[in-house]
Amino acid sequence: MIEREFKLLLDNNALKKIQIHYAIMAQGYMIVADGNPLETTKRQTREFKTLDSAAKFLFKVGVADFAVKLKTTF
């Protein structure tokens, strides 16, 4: 989902679970909301270089409660 969709769902309290995942391939972090990664307008996964920058983005859009997942298993 792109940032605009994310904000719209957030404003309507439609998101149940927001997480920051460590992205192994990108060596950075990505935001996942209800199983869907946050994407750029070009539909590429939006990457954050640090955990702090991802958290600041969430705080800026009004998210105060989220989880951090540093290891993902497939």
PDB file of N, CA and C in Angstrom:
ATOM      1  N   MET A   1       0.835  -1.175   0.000  1.00  0.00           N
ATOM      2  CA  MET A   1       0.000   0.000   0.000  1.00  0.00           C
ATOM      3  C   MET A   1       0.877   1.235   0.000  1.00  0.00           C
ATOM      4  N   ILE A   2       0.472   2.234  -0.742  1.00  0.00           N
ATOM      5  CA  ILE A   2       1.240   3.473  -0.805  1.00  0.00           C
ATOM      6  C   ILE A   2       0.913   4.339   0.417  1.00  0.00           C
ATOM      7  N   GLU A   3       1.708   5.363   0.634  1.00  0.00           N
ATOM      8  CA  GLU A   3       1.575   6.203   1.829  1.00  0.00           C
ATOM      9  C   GLU A   3       0.182   6.820   1.944  1.00  0.00           C
ATOM     10  N   ARG A   4      -0.397   7.235   0.833  1.00  0.00           N
ATOM     11  CA  ARG A   4      -1.728   7.845   0.876  1.00  0.00           C
ATOM     12  C   ARG A   4      -2.775   6.847   1.374  1.00  0.00           C
ATOM     13  N   GLU A   5      -2.703   5.614   0.874  1.00  0.00           N
ATOM     14  CA  GLU A   5      -3.630   4.569   1.328  1.00  0.00           C
ATOM     15  C   GLU A   5      -3.412   4.269   2.806  1.00  0.00           C
ATOM     16  N   PHE A   6      -2.150   4.223   3.221  1.00  0.00           N
ATOM     17  CA  PHE A   6      -1.798   3.962   4.608  1.00  0.00           C
ATOM     18  C   PHE A   6      -2.421   5.017   5.533  1.00  0.00           C
ATOM     19  N   LYS A   7      -2.265   6.278   5.167  1.00  0.00           N
ATOM     20  CA  LYS A   7      -2.814   7.361   5.983  1.00  0.00           C
ATOM     21  C   LYS A   7      -4.337   7.320   6.020  1.00  0.00           C
ATOM     22  N   LEU A   8      -4.975   7.007   4.898  1.00  0.00           N
ATOM     23  CA  LEU A   8      -6.427   6.914   4.837  1.00  0.00           C
ATOM     24  C   LEU A   8      -6.934   5.787   5.747  1.00  0.00           C
ATOM     25  N   LEU A   9      -6.304   4.625   5.677  1.00  0.00           N
ATOM     26  CA  LEU A   9      -6.692   3.516   6.545  1.00  0.00           C
ATOM     27  C   LEU A   9      -6.433   3.846   8.016  1.00  0.00           C
ATOM     28  N   LEU A  10      -5.338   4.521   8.269  1.00  0.00           N
ATOM     29  CA  LEU A  10      -5.001   4.923   9.633  1.00  0.00           C
ATOM     30  C   LEU A  10      -6.035   5.900  10.192  1.00  0.00           C
ATOM     31  N   ASP A  11      -6.431   6.871   9.390  1.00  0.00           N
ATOM     32  CA  ASP A  11      -7.435   7.854   9.814  1.00  0.00           C
ATOM     33  C   ASP A  11      -8.779   7.215  10.117  1.00  0.00           C
ATOM     34  N   ASN A  12      -9.090   6.116   9.441  1.00  0.00           N
ATOM     35  CA  ASN A  12     -10.358   5.426   9.639  1.00  0.00           C
ATOM     36  C   ASN A  12     -10.245   4.258  10.618  1.00  0.00           C
ATOM     37  N   ASN A  13      -9.134   4.196  11.341  1.00  0.00           N
ATOM     38  CA  ASN A  13      -8.885   3.128  12.322  1.00  0.00           C
ATOM     39  C   ASN A  13      -9.079   1.738  11.727  1.00  0.00           C
ATOM     40  N   ALA A  14      -8.668   1.552  10.485  1.00  0.00           N
ATOM     41  CA  ALA A  14      -8.847   0.277   9.789  1.00  0.00           C
ATOM     42  C   ALA A  14      -7.612  -0.620   9.874  1.00  0.00           C
ATOM     43  N   LEU A  15      -6.532  -0.128  10.447  1.00  0.00           N
ATOM     44  CA  LEU A  15      -5.317  -0.939  10.561  1.00  0.00           C
ATOM     45  C   LEU A  15      -5.246  -1.551  11.957  1.00  0.00           C
ATOM     46  N   LYS A  16      -5.014  -2.848  12.007  1.00  0.00           N
ATOM     47  CA  LYS A  16      -4.969  -3.544  13.280  1.00  0.00           C
ATOM     48  C   LYS A  16      -3.542  -3.766  13.789  1.00  0.00           C
ATOM     49  N   LYS A  17      -2.607  -4.011  12.886  1.00  0.00           N
ATOM     50  CA  LYS A  17      -1.256  -4.386  13.287  1.00  0.00           C
ATOM     51  C   LYS A  17      -0.220  -3.657  12.430  1.00  0.00           C
ATOM     52  N   ILE A  18       0.614  -2.865  13.069  1.00  0.00           N
ATOM     53  CA  ILE A  18       1.665  -2.137  12.362  1.00  0.00           C
ATOM     54  C   ILE A  18       3.004  -2.577  12.944  1.00  0.00           C
ATOM     55  N   GLN A  19       3.902  -2.983  12.059  1.00  0.00           N
ATOM     56  CA  GLN A  19       5.211  -3.456  12.478  1.00  0.00           C
ATOM     57  C   GLN A  19       6.306  -2.804  11.643  1.00  0.00           C
ATOM     58  N   ILE A  20       7.489  -2.727  12.249  1.00  0.00           N
ATOM     59  CA  ILE A  20       8.693  -2.364  11.511  1.00  0.00           C
ATOM     60  C   ILE A  20       9.508  -3.641  11.415  1.00  0.00           C
ATOM     61  N   HIS A  21       9.828  -4.058  10.192  1.00  0.00           N
ATOM     62  CA  HIS A  21      10.606  -5.274   9.950  1.00  0.00           C
ATOM     63  C   HIS A  21      12.005  -4.902   9.495  1.00  0.00           C
ATOM     64  N   TYR A  22      12.965  -5.700   9.923  1.00  0.00           N
ATOM     65  CA  TYR A  22      14.308  -5.560   9.397  1.00  0.00           C
ATOM     66  C   TYR A  22      14.324  -6.212   8.024  1.00  0.00           C
ATOM     67  N   ALA A  23      14.733  -5.477   7.013  1.00  0.00           N
ATOM     68  CA  ALA A  23      14.776  -5.981   5.639  1.00  0.00           C
ATOM     69  C   ALA A  23      16.198  -6.447   5.338  1.00  0.00           C
ATOM     70  N   ILE A  24      16.405  -7.735   5.337  1.00  0.00           N
ATOM     71  CA  ILE A  24      17.742  -8.308   5.178  1.00  0.00           C
ATOM     72  C   ILE A  24      18.384  -7.886   3.857  1.00  0.00           C
ATOM     73  N   MET A  25      17.645  -7.996   2.771  1.00  0.00           N
ATOM     74  CA  MET A  25      18.204  -7.684   1.455  1.00  0.00           C
ATOM     75  C   MET A  25      18.588  -6.211   1.323  1.00  0.00           C
ATOM     76  N   ALA A  26      17.808  -5.337   1.916  1.00  0.00           N
ATOM     77  CA  ALA A  26      18.079  -3.907   1.802  1.00  0.00           C
ATOM     78  C   ALA A  26      18.991  -3.414   2.915  1.00  0.00           C
ATOM     79  N   GLN A  27      19.243  -4.245   3.908  1.00  0.00           N
ATOM     80  CA  GLN A  27      19.996  -3.872   5.096  1.00  0.00           C
ATOM     81  C   GLN A  27      19.445  -2.591   5.695  1.00  0.00           C
ATOM     82  N   GLY A  28      18.136  -2.571   5.840  1.00  0.00           N
ATOM     83  CA  GLY A  28      17.439  -1.446   6.434  1.00  0.00           C
ATOM     84  C   GLY A  28      16.121  -1.938   7.011  1.00  0.00           C
ATOM     85  N   TYR A  29      15.159  -1.069   7.053  1.00  0.00           N
ATOM     86  CA  TYR A  29      13.882  -1.387   7.687  1.00  0.00           C
ATOM     87  C   TYR A  29      12.725  -1.047   6.757  1.00  0.00           C
ATOM     88  N   MET A  30      11.610  -1.743   6.966  1.00  0.00           N
ATOM     89  CA  MET A  30      10.405  -1.451   6.208  1.00  0.00           C
ATOM     90  C   MET A  30       9.209  -1.512   7.153  1.00  0.00           C
ATOM     91  N   ILE A  31       8.163  -0.792   6.805  1.00  0.00           N
ATOM     92  CA  ILE A  31       6.947  -0.760   7.612  1.00  0.00           C
ATOM     93  C   ILE A  31       5.936  -1.699   6.979  1.00  0.00           C
ATOM     94  N   VAL A  32       5.332  -2.550   7.820  1.00  0.00           N
ATOM     95  CA  VAL A  32       4.331  -3.503   7.368  1.00  0.00           C
ATOM     96  C   VAL A  32       3.060  -3.264   8.177  1.00  0.00           C
ATOM     97  N   ALA A  33       1.958  -3.018   7.466  1.00  0.00           N
ATOM     98  CA  ALA A  33       0.664  -2.781   8.118  1.00  0.00           C
ATOM     99  C   ALA A  33      -0.311  -3.866   7.687  1.00  0.00           C
ATOM    100  N   ASP A  34      -0.786  -4.634   8.653  1.00  0.00           N
ATOM    101  CA  ASP A  34      -1.705  -5.744   8.389  1.00  0.00           C
ATOM    102  C   ASP A  34      -1.186  -6.660   7.284  1.00  0.00           C
ATOM    103  N   GLY A  35       0.111  -6.924   7.300  1.00  0.00           N
ATOM    104  CA  GLY A  35       0.717  -7.845   6.345  1.00  0.00           C
ATOM    105  C   GLY A  35       1.125  -7.241   5.017  1.00  0.00           C
ATOM    106  N   ASN A  36       0.854  -5.961   4.795  1.00  0.00           N
ATOM    107  CA  ASN A  36       1.185  -5.297   3.531  1.00  0.00           C
ATOM    108  C   ASN A  36       2.289  -4.268   3.752  1.00  0.00           C
ATOM    109  N   PRO A  37       3.362  -4.341   2.971  1.00  0.00           N
ATOM    110  CA  PRO A  37       4.443  -3.371   3.149  1.00  0.00           C
ATOM    111  C   PRO A  37       4.066  -1.985   2.630  1.00  0.00           C
ATOM    112  N   LEU A  38       4.599  -0.974   3.274  1.00  0.00           N
ATOM    113  CA  LEU A  38       4.436   0.396   2.798  1.00  0.00           C
ATOM    114  C   LEU A  38       5.260   0.544   1.535  1.00  0.00           C
ATOM    115  N   GLU A  39       4.677   1.146   0.498  1.00  0.00           N
ATOM    116  CA  GLU A  39       5.341   1.250  -0.801  1.00  0.00           C
ATOM    117  C   GLU A  39       5.446   2.698  -1.255  1.00  0.00           C
ATOM    118  N   THR A  40       6.361   2.914  -2.201  1.00  0.00           N
ATOM    119  CA  THR A  40       6.477   4.213  -2.852  1.00  0.00           C
ATOM    120  C   THR A  40       5.369   4.318  -3.894  1.00  0.00           C
ATOM    121  N   THR A  41       5.239   5.469  -4.517  1.00  0.00           N
ATOM    122  CA  THR A  41       4.222   5.626  -5.559  1.00  0.00           C
ATOM    123  C   THR A  41       4.514   4.766  -6.774  1.00  0.00           C
ATOM    124  N   LYS A  42       5.755   4.300  -6.909  1.00  0.00           N
ATOM    125  CA  LYS A  42       6.126   3.397  -8.010  1.00  0.00           C
ATOM    126  C   LYS A  42       5.939   1.933  -7.622  1.00  0.00           C
ATOM    127  N   ARG A  43       5.282   1.692  -6.494  1.00  0.00           N
ATOM    128  CA  ARG A  43       4.957   0.354  -5.990  1.00  0.00           C
ATOM    129  C   ARG A  43       6.190  -0.472  -5.624  1.00  0.00           C
ATOM    130  N   GLN A  44       7.229   0.214  -5.167  1.00  0.00           N
ATOM    131  CA  GLN A  44       8.404  -0.470  -4.638  1.00  0.00           C
ATOM    132  C   GLN A  44       8.372  -0.314  -3.129  1.00  0.00           C
ATOM    133  N   THR A  45       8.832  -1.319  -2.408  1.00  0.00           N
ATOM    134  CA  THR A  45       8.812  -1.257  -0.955  1.00  0.00           C
ATOM    135  C   THR A  45       9.617  -0.060  -0.467  1.00  0.00           C
ATOM    136  N   ARG A  46       8.994   0.738   0.392  1.00  0.00           N
ATOM    137  CA  ARG A  46       9.678   1.908   0.937  1.00  0.00           C
ATOM    138  C   ARG A  46      10.660   1.439   1.999  1.00  0.00           C
ATOM    139  N   GLU A  47      11.902   1.841   1.862  1.00  0.00           N
ATOM    140  CA  GLU A  47      12.955   1.410   2.769  1.00  0.00           C
ATOM    141  C   GLU A  47      13.423   2.576   3.629  1.00  0.00           C
ATOM    142  N   PHE A  48      13.745   2.254   4.871  1.00  0.00           N
ATOM    143  CA  PHE A  48      14.283   3.231   5.813  1.00  0.00           C
ATOM    144  C   PHE A  48      15.661   2.731   6.244  1.00  0.00           C
ATOM    145  N   LYS A  49      16.637   3.609   6.282  1.00  0.00           N
ATOM    146  CA  LYS A  49      18.005   3.194   6.594  1.00  0.00           C
ATOM    147  C   LYS A  49      18.167   2.800   8.055  1.00  0.00           C
ATOM    148  N   THR A  50      17.424   3.460   8.938  1.00  0.00           N
ATOM    149  CA  THR A  50      17.553   3.159  10.362  1.00  0.00           C
ATOM    150  C   THR A  50      16.182   2.882  10.975  1.00  0.00           C
ATOM    151  N   LEU A  51      16.208   2.183  12.095  1.00  0.00           N
ATOM    152  CA  LEU A  51      14.991   1.928  12.851  1.00  0.00           C
ATOM    153  C   LEU A  51      14.398   3.244  13.338  1.00  0.00           C
ATOM    154  N   ASP A  52      15.269   4.152  13.707  1.00  0.00           N
ATOM    155  CA  ASP A  52      14.840   5.458  14.180  1.00  0.00           C
ATOM    156  C   ASP A  52      14.076   6.235  13.107  1.00  0.00           C
ATOM    157  N   SER A  53      14.543   6.187  11.864  1.00  0.00           N
ATOM    158  CA  SER A  53      13.851   6.930  10.802  1.00  0.00           C
ATOM    159  C   SER A  53      12.477   6.326  10.509  1.00  0.00           C
ATOM    160  N   ALA A  54      12.347   5.000  10.590  1.00  0.00           N
ATOM    161  CA  ALA A  54      11.041   4.359  10.397  1.00  0.00           C
ATOM    162  C   ALA A  54      10.098   4.742  11.530  1.00  0.00           C
ATOM    163  N   ALA A  55      10.603   4.741  12.759  1.00  0.00           N
ATOM    164  CA  ALA A  55       9.785   5.124  13.912  1.00  0.00           C
ATOM    165  C   ALA A  55       9.359   6.591  13.822  1.00  0.00           C
ATOM    166  N   LYS A  56      10.259   7.458  13.377  1.00  0.00           N
ATOM    167  CA  LYS A  56       9.915   8.878  13.225  1.00  0.00           C
ATOM    168  C   LYS A  56       8.820   9.070  12.180  1.00  0.00           C
ATOM    169  N   PHE A  57       8.876   8.302  11.086  1.00  0.00           N
ATOM    170  CA  PHE A  57       7.823   8.372  10.075  1.00  0.00           C
ATOM    171  C   PHE A  57       6.477   7.986  10.687  1.00  0.00           C
ATOM    172  N   LEU A  58       6.449   6.873  11.424  1.00  0.00           N
ATOM    173  CA  LEU A  58       5.193   6.438  12.039  1.00  0.00           C
ATOM    174  C   LEU A  58       4.669   7.479  13.024  1.00  0.00           C
ATOM    175  N   PHE A  59       5.558   8.057  13.831  1.00  0.00           N
ATOM    176  CA  PHE A  59       5.153   9.090  14.780  1.00  0.00           C
ATOM    177  C   PHE A  59       4.582  10.306  14.049  1.00  0.00           C
ATOM    178  N   LYS A  60       5.196  10.667  12.910  1.00  0.00           N
ATOM    179  CA  LYS A  60       4.753  11.828  12.126  1.00  0.00           C
ATOM    180  C   LYS A  60       3.333  11.644  11.593  1.00  0.00           C
ATOM    181  N   VAL A  61       2.977  10.417  11.215  1.00  0.00           N
ATOM    182  CA  VAL A  61       1.637  10.182  10.673  1.00  0.00           C
ATOM    183  C   VAL A  61       0.624   9.821  11.760  1.00  0.00           C
ATOM    184  N   GLY A  62       1.077   9.777  13.020  1.00  0.00           N
ATOM    185  CA  GLY A  62       0.138   9.584  14.117  1.00  0.00           C
ATOM    186  C   GLY A  62       0.073   8.192  14.723  1.00  0.00           C
ATOM    187  N   VAL A  63       1.068   7.364  14.435  1.00  0.00           N
ATOM    188  CA  VAL A  63       1.090   6.017  15.015  1.00  0.00           C
ATOM    189  C   VAL A  63       1.974   6.045  16.257  1.00  0.00           C
ATOM    190  N   ALA A  64       1.380   5.686  17.402  1.00  0.00           N
ATOM    191  CA  ALA A  64       2.145   5.670  18.642  1.00  0.00           C
ATOM    192  C   ALA A  64       2.403   4.247  19.122  1.00  0.00           C
ATOM    193  N   ASP A  65       1.687   3.265  18.581  1.00  0.00           N
ATOM    194  CA  ASP A  65       1.793   1.887  19.029  1.00  0.00           C
ATOM    195  C   ASP A  65       2.136   0.977  17.844  1.00  0.00           C
ATOM    196  N   PHE A  66       3.332   0.421  17.862  1.00  0.00           N
ATOM    197  CA  PHE A  66       3.757  -0.485  16.798  1.00  0.00           C
ATOM    198  C   PHE A  66       4.755  -1.480  17.367  1.00  0.00           C
ATOM    199  N   ALA A  67       4.990  -2.557  16.634  1.00  0.00           N
ATOM    200  CA  ALA A  67       5.947  -3.582  17.050  1.00  0.00           C
ATOM    201  C   ALA A  67       7.163  -3.542  16.135  1.00  0.00           C
ATOM    202  N   VAL A  68       8.267  -4.042  16.650  1.00  0.00           N
ATOM    203  CA  VAL A  68       9.494  -4.139  15.864  1.00  0.00           C
ATOM    204  C   VAL A  68       9.844  -5.614  15.748  1.00  0.00           C
ATOM    205  N   LYS A  69      10.046  -6.078  14.539  1.00  0.00           N
ATOM    206  CA  LYS A  69      10.395  -7.464  14.281  1.00  0.00           C
ATOM    207  C   LYS A  69      11.751  -7.480  13.587  1.00  0.00           C
ATOM    208  N   LEU A  70      12.778  -7.908  14.313  1.00  0.00           N
ATOM    209  CA  LEU A  70      14.128  -7.873  13.776  1.00  0.00           C
ATOM    210  C   LEU A  70      14.510  -9.124  13.010  1.00  0.00           C
ATOM    211  N   LYS A  71      13.845 -10.231  13.273  1.00  0.00           N
ATOM    212  CA  LYS A  71      14.156 -11.469  12.560  1.00  0.00           C
ATOM    213  C   LYS A  71      12.880 -12.039  11.979  1.00  0.00           C
ATOM    214  N   THR A  72      12.922 -12.313  10.689  1.00  0.00           N
ATOM    215  CA  THR A  72      11.759 -12.922  10.039  1.00  0.00           C
ATOM    216  C   THR A  72      12.144 -14.311   9.572  1.00  0.00           C
ATOM    217  N   THR A  73      11.229 -15.236   9.689  1.00  0.00           N
ATOM    218  CA  THR A  73      11.469 -16.595   9.215  1.00  0.00           C
ATOM    219  C   THR A  73      10.482 -16.907   8.125  1.00  0.00           C
ATOM    220  N   PHE A  74      10.909 -17.677   7.159  1.00  0.00           N
ATOM    221  CA  PHE A  74      10.050 -18.023   6.037  1.00  0.00           C
ATOM    222  C   PHE A  74       9.717 -19.485   6.079  1.00  0.00           C
TER     223      PHE A  74
END
